[in-house]
C-alpha atoms as a PDB file:
ATOM      1  CA  MET A   1      44.316-104.123 -76.107  1.00  0.00           C
ATOM      2  CA  GLN A   2      46.552-105.310 -78.954  1.00  0.00           C
ATOM      3  CA  ASP A   3      47.399-101.670 -79.694  1.00  0.00           C
ATOM      4  CA  HIS A   4      48.371-101.071 -76.045  1.00  0.00           C
ATOM      5  CA  PHE A   5      50.674-104.090 -76.135  1.00  0.00           C
ATOM      6  CA  ARG A   6      52.292-102.907 -79.381  1.00  0.00           C
ATOM      7  CA  ILE A   7      52.956 -99.431 -78.006  1.00  0.00           C
ATOM      8  CA  SER A   8      54.376-100.941 -74.799  1.00  0.00           C
ATOM      9  CA  LEU A   9      56.709-103.064 -76.906  1.00  0.00           C
ATOM     10  CA  LEU A  10      57.739-100.071 -79.021  1.00  0.00           C
ATOM     11  CA  LEU A  11      58.348 -98.184 -75.787  1.00  0.00           C
ATOM     12  CA  ASP A  12      60.602-100.989 -74.547  1.00  0.00           C
ATOM     13  CA  PHE A  13      62.702-100.794 -77.695  1.00  0.00           C
ATOM     14  CA  TYR A  14      62.683 -97.078 -78.474  1.00  0.00           C
ATOM     15  CA  GLY A  15      61.646 -95.409 -75.211  1.00  0.00           C
ATOM     16  CA  PRO A  16      65.162 -94.134 -74.440  1.00  0.00           C
ATOM     17  CA  LEU A  17      65.009 -92.129 -77.676  1.00  0.00           C
ATOM     18  CA  LEU A  18      62.027 -90.111 -76.434  1.00  0.00           C
ATOM     19  CA  THR A  19      62.258 -87.109 -74.153  1.00  0.00           C
ATOM     20  CA  ASN A  20      61.908 -87.899 -70.455  1.00  0.00           C
ATOM     21  CA  ARG A  21      58.446 -86.344 -70.402  1.00  0.00           C
ATOM     22  CA  GLN A  22      57.247 -88.254 -73.470  1.00  0.00           C
ATOM     23  CA  PHE A  23      58.494 -91.493 -71.942  1.00  0.00           C
ATOM     24  CA  GLU A  24      56.879 -90.696 -68.593  1.00  0.00           C
ATOM     25  CA  VAL A  25      53.492 -89.979 -70.190  1.00  0.00           C
ATOM     26  CA  LEU A  26      53.527 -93.126 -72.332  1.00  0.00           C
ATOM     27  CA  ASP A  27      54.705 -95.246 -69.406  1.00  0.00           C
ATOM     28  CA  LEU A  28      51.819 -94.044 -67.255  1.00  0.00           C
ATOM     29  CA  TYR A  29      49.240 -94.477 -69.988  1.00  0.00           C
ATOM     30  CA  PHE A  30      50.360 -97.723 -71.635  1.00  0.00           C
ATOM     31  CA  ASN A  31      52.473 -99.605 -69.082  1.00  0.00           C
ATOM     32  CA  GLN A  32      50.763 -98.541 -65.873  1.00  0.00           C
ATOM     33  CA  ASP A  33      47.343 -98.486 -67.573  1.00  0.00           C
ATOM     34  CA  LEU A  34      46.253 -95.122 -66.181  1.00  0.00           C
ATOM     35  CA  SER A  35      43.470 -93.231 -67.922  1.00  0.00           C
ATOM     36  CA  LEU A  36      44.215 -89.909 -69.592  1.00  0.00           C
ATOM     37  CA  GLY A  37      42.657 -88.152 -66.605  1.00  0.00           C
ATOM     38  CA  GLU A  38      44.619 -90.156 -64.046  1.00  0.00           C
ATOM     39  CA  ALA A  39      47.883 -89.566 -65.902  1.00  0.00           C
ATOM     40  CA  ALA A  40      47.040 -85.858 -66.160  1.00  0.00           C
ATOM     41  CA  ASP A  41      46.432 -85.634 -62.400  1.00  0.00           C
ATOM     42  CA  GLN A  42      49.695 -87.394 -61.631  1.00  0.00           C
ATOM     43  CA  LEU A  43      51.683 -85.207 -64.051  1.00  0.00           C
ATOM     44  CA  GLY A  44      49.971 -81.951 -63.171  1.00  0.00           C
ATOM     45  CA  ILE A  45      48.853 -81.268 -66.741  1.00  0.00           C
ATOM     46  CA  THR A  46      45.527 -81.349 -68.541  1.00  0.00           C
ATOM     47  CA  ARG A  47      43.895 -84.427 -70.003  1.00  0.00           C
ATOM     48  CA  GLN A  48      44.278 -82.805 -73.416  1.00  0.00           C
ATOM     49  CA  GLY A  49      47.976 -82.323 -72.705  1.00  0.00           C
ATOM     50  CA  VAL A  50      48.384 -86.024 -71.969  1.00  0.00           C
ATOM     51  CA  HIS A  51      46.484 -86.856 -75.139  1.00  0.00           C
ATOM     52  CA  ALA A  52      48.777 -84.595 -77.184  1.00  0.00           C
ATOM     53  CA  TYR A  53      51.889 -86.212 -75.666  1.00  0.00           C
ATOM     54  CA  VAL A  54      50.501 -89.684 -76.364  1.00  0.00           C
ATOM     55  CA  ARG A  55      49.643 -88.852 -79.967  1.00  0.00           C
ATOM     56  CA  LYS A  56      53.014 -87.225 -80.684  1.00  0.00           C
ATOM     57  CA  ALA A  57      55.147 -89.858 -78.923  1.00  0.00           C
ATOM     58  CA  ARG A  58      53.251 -92.730 -80.587  1.00  0.00           C
ATOM     59  CA  SER A  59      53.969 -91.154 -83.933  1.00  0.00           C
ATOM     60  CA  ILE A  60      57.653 -90.883 -83.057  1.00  0.00           C
ATOM     61  CA  LEU A  61      57.811 -94.523 -81.906  1.00  0.00           C
ATOM     62  CA  GLU A  62      56.073 -95.744 -85.069  1.00  0.00           C
ATOM     63  CA  GLY A  63      58.527 -93.699 -87.136  1.00  0.00           C
ATOM     64  CA  TYR A  64      61.476 -95.371 -85.429  1.00  0.00           C
ATOM     65  CA  GLU A  65      59.942 -98.782 -86.049  1.00  0.00           C
ATOM     66  CA  ASP A  66      59.294 -97.951 -89.720  1.00  0.00           C
ATOM     67  CA  LYS A  67      62.939 -97.003 -90.144  1.00  0.00           C
ATOM     68  CA  LEU A  68      64.656 -99.568 -87.915  1.00  0.00           C
ATOM     69  CA  GLY A  69      62.226-102.497 -87.722  1.00  0.00           C
ATOM     70  CA  LEU A  70      63.610-103.806 -84.423  1.00  0.00           C
ATOM     71  CA  VAL A  71      60.250-104.931 -83.047  1.00  0.00           C
ATOM     72  CA  GLU A  72      59.351-106.719 -86.272  1.00  0.00           C
ATOM     73  CA  ARG A  73      62.699-108.543 -86.259  1.00  0.00           C
ATOM     74  CA  TYR A  74      62.275-109.418 -82.596  1.00  0.00           C
ATOM     75  CA  GLU A  75      58.787-110.837 -83.139  1.00  0.00           C
ATOM     76  CA  LYS A  76      59.905-112.805 -86.185  1.00  0.00           C
ATOM     77  CA  GLY A  77      62.865-114.214 -84.258  1.00  0.00           C
ATOM     78  CA  LYS A  78      60.591-115.225 -81.385  1.00  0.00           C
ATOM     79  CA  ALA A  79      58.257-117.018 -83.792  1.00  0.00           C
ATOM     80  CA  VAL A  80      61.099-118.885 -85.502  1.00  0.00           C
ATOM     81  CA  MET A  81      62.557-119.932 -82.150  1.00  0.00           C
ATOM     82  CA  GLY A  82      59.138-121.227 -81.093  1.00  0.00           C
ATOM     83  CA  ILE A  83      58.906-123.329 -84.239  1.00  0.00           C
ATOM     84  CA  ALA A  84      62.458-124.566 -83.715  1.00  0.00           C
ATOM     85  CA  LEU A  85      61.617-125.608 -80.142  1.00  0.00           C
ATOM     86  CA  SER A  86      58.573-127.477 -81.421  1.00  0.00           C
ATOM     87  CA  ARG A  87      60.747-129.280 -83.933  1.00  0.00           C
ATOM     88  CA  LEU A  88      63.177-130.198 -81.159  1.00  0.00           C
ATOM     89  CA  ASP A  89      60.284-131.558 -79.093  1.00  0.00           C
ATOM     90  CA  GLU A  90      59.323-133.664 -82.101  1.00  0.00           C
ATOM     91  CA  ALA A  91      62.929-134.880 -82.362  1.00  0.00           C
ATOM     92  CA  ARG A  92      63.303-133.078 -85.700  1.00  0.00           C
ATOM     93  CA  VAL A  93      66.693-131.718 -84.766  1.00  0.00           C
ATOM     94  CA  GLU A  94      67.891-131.073 -88.313  1.00  0.00           C
ATOM     95  CA  ASP A  95      64.766-128.989 -89.097  1.00  0.00           C
ATOM     96  CA  ALA A  96      65.304-126.966 -85.926  1.00  0.00           C
ATOM     97  CA  LYS A  97      68.960-126.388 -86.725  1.00  0.00           C
ATOM     98  CA  ALA A  98      68.087-125.242 -90.247  1.00  0.00           C
ATOM     99  CA  LEU A  99      65.493-122.764 -88.939  1.00  0.00           C
ATOM    100  CA  LEU A 100      67.912-121.313 -86.409  1.00  0.00           C
ATOM    101  CA  LYS A 101      70.707-121.039 -88.984  1.00  0.00           C
ATOM    102  CA  GLU A 102      68.311-119.231 -91.344  1.00  0.00           C
ATOM    103  CA  LEU A 103      67.325-116.832 -88.566  1.00  0.00           C
ATOM    104  CA  LEU A 104      70.944-116.032 -87.798  1.00  0.00           C
ATOM    105  CA  ALA A 105      71.767-115.533 -91.465  1.00  0.00           C
ATOM    106  CA  GLU A 106      68.992-112.969 -92.008  1.00  0.00           C
ATOM    107  CA  ASP A 107      70.396-109.466 -91.652  1.00  0.00           C
ATOM    108  CA  GLY A 108      73.031-110.618 -89.224  1.00  0.00           C
ATOM    109  CA  GLY A 109      70.460-112.176 -86.902  1.00  0.00           C
ATOM    110  CA  PHE A 110      68.677-110.005 -84.390  1.00  0.00           C
END
Protein backbone atom coordinates (compact mmCIF):
# COMPACT_ATOMS: atom_id res chain seq x y z
CA MET A 1 0.00 0.00 0.00
CA GLN A 2 2.93 2.34 0.65
CA ASP A 3 3.83 2.10 -3.05
CA HIS A 4 0.27 3.04 -4.06
CA PHE A 5 0.39 6.09 -1.80
CA ARG A 6 3.76 7.16 -3.23
CA ILE A 7 2.54 6.88 -6.82
CA SER A 8 -0.63 8.82 -5.91
CA LEU A 9 1.54 11.55 -4.42
CA LEU A 10 3.80 11.60 -7.48
CA LEU A 11 0.67 11.81 -9.61
CA ASP A 12 -0.53 14.81 -7.61
CA PHE A 13 2.74 16.63 -8.23
CA TYR A 14 3.63 15.53 -11.76
CA GLY A 15 0.37 14.22 -13.22
CA PRO A 16 -0.16 17.27 -15.45
CA LEU A 17 3.12 16.41 -17.19
CA LEU A 18 1.78 13.05 -18.35
CA THR A 19 -0.39 12.53 -21.40
CA ASN A 20 -4.13 12.59 -20.72
CA ARG A 21 -4.33 8.84 -21.25
CA GLN A 22 -1.40 8.08 -18.94
CA PHE A 23 -2.95 10.25 -16.25
CA GLU A 24 -6.36 8.64 -16.72
CA VAL A 25 -4.94 5.11 -16.39
CA LEU A 26 -2.90 5.93 -13.28
CA ASP A 27 -5.81 7.79 -11.71
CA LEU A 28 -8.09 4.78 -12.16
CA TYR A 29 -5.52 2.30 -10.90
CA PHE A 30 -3.92 4.21 -8.03
CA ASN A 31 -6.40 6.88 -6.92
CA GLN A 32 -9.67 5.09 -7.62
CA ASP A 33 -8.17 1.72 -6.64
CA LEU A 34 -9.51 -0.20 -9.63
CA SER A 35 -7.88 -3.48 -10.59
CA LEU A 36 -6.06 -3.77 -13.91
CA GLY A 37 -9.08 -5.62 -15.30
CA GLU A 38 -11.58 -3.06 -14.04
CA ALA A 39 -9.52 -0.18 -15.43
CA ALA A 40 -9.20 -2.04 -18.74
CA ASP A 41 -12.98 -2.51 -18.96
CA GLN A 42 -13.62 1.14 -18.21
CA LEU A 43 -11.02 2.33 -20.75
CA GLY A 44 -11.89 -0.18 -23.44
CA ILE A 45 -8.37 -1.61 -23.62
CA THR A 46 -6.77 -4.86 -22.54
CA ARG A 47 -5.50 -5.63 -19.06
CA GLN A 48 -2.02 -5.88 -20.57
CA GLY A 49 -2.51 -2.44 -22.09
CA VAL A 50 -3.33 -0.97 -18.69
CA HIS A 51 -0.30 -2.71 -17.21
CA ALA A 52 1.94 -1.24 -19.93
CA TYR A 53 0.55 2.27 -19.31
CA VAL A 54 1.06 1.88 -15.56
CA ARG A 55 4.63 0.65 -15.96
CA LYS A 56 5.59 3.40 -18.42
CA ALA A 57 3.88 6.26 -16.57
CA ARG A 58 5.34 5.17 -13.21
CA SER A 59 8.77 5.26 -14.77
CA ILE A 60 8.11 8.76 -16.09
CA LEU A 61 6.86 9.99 -12.70
CA GLU A 62 9.88 8.51 -10.89
CA GLY A 63 12.14 10.20 -13.44
CA TYR A 64 10.56 13.57 -12.74
CA GLU A 65 10.98 13.03 -9.01
CA ASP A 66 14.63 12.01 -9.46
CA LYS A 67 15.30 15.22 -11.36
CA LEU A 68 13.09 17.68 -9.48
CA GLY A 69 12.67 16.18 -6.00
CA LEU A 70 9.41 18.03 -5.28
CA VAL A 71 7.81 15.18 -3.33
CA GLU A 72 10.92 14.67 -1.22
CA ARG A 73 11.04 18.39 -0.40
CA TYR A 74 7.34 18.40 0.39
CA GLU A 75 7.64 15.43 2.74
CA LYS A 76 10.68 16.91 4.46
CA GLY A 77 8.88 20.23 4.90
CA LYS A 78 5.85 18.47 6.37
CA ALA A 79 8.06 16.62 8.85
CA VAL A 80 9.87 19.79 9.93
CA MET A 81 6.58 21.64 10.38
CA GLY A 82 5.29 18.77 12.52
CA ILE A 83 8.35 18.99 14.75
CA ALA A 84 7.99 22.77 14.92
CA LEU A 85 4.35 22.42 15.99
CA SER A 86 5.39 19.96 18.69
CA ARG A 87 7.96 22.44 19.93
CA LEU A 88 5.31 25.15 20.01
CA ASP A 89 3.04 22.85 22.02
CA GLU A 90 5.92 22.38 24.45
CA ALA A 91 6.35 26.17 24.63
CA ARG A 92 9.76 25.87 22.95
CA VAL A 93 9.06 28.78 20.66
CA GLU A 94 12.69 29.58 19.87
CA ASP A 95 13.36 25.97 18.77
CA ALA A 96 10.29 26.06 16.54
CA LYS A 97 11.31 29.37 15.00
CA ALA A 98 14.81 28.05 14.31
CA LEU A 99 13.44 24.93 12.59
CA LEU A 100 11.09 26.96 10.41
CA LYS A 101 13.83 29.45 9.49
CA GLU A 102 16.11 26.53 8.53
CA LEU A 103 13.35 25.04 6.37
CA LEU A 104 12.82 28.33 4.56
CA ALA A 105 16.54 28.81 4.03
CA GLU A 106 17.00 25.40 2.36
CA ASP A 107 16.84 25.78 -1.41
CA GLY A 108 14.53 28.75 -1.14
CA GLY A 109 12.02 26.82 0.96
CA PHE A 110 9.48 24.62 -0.74
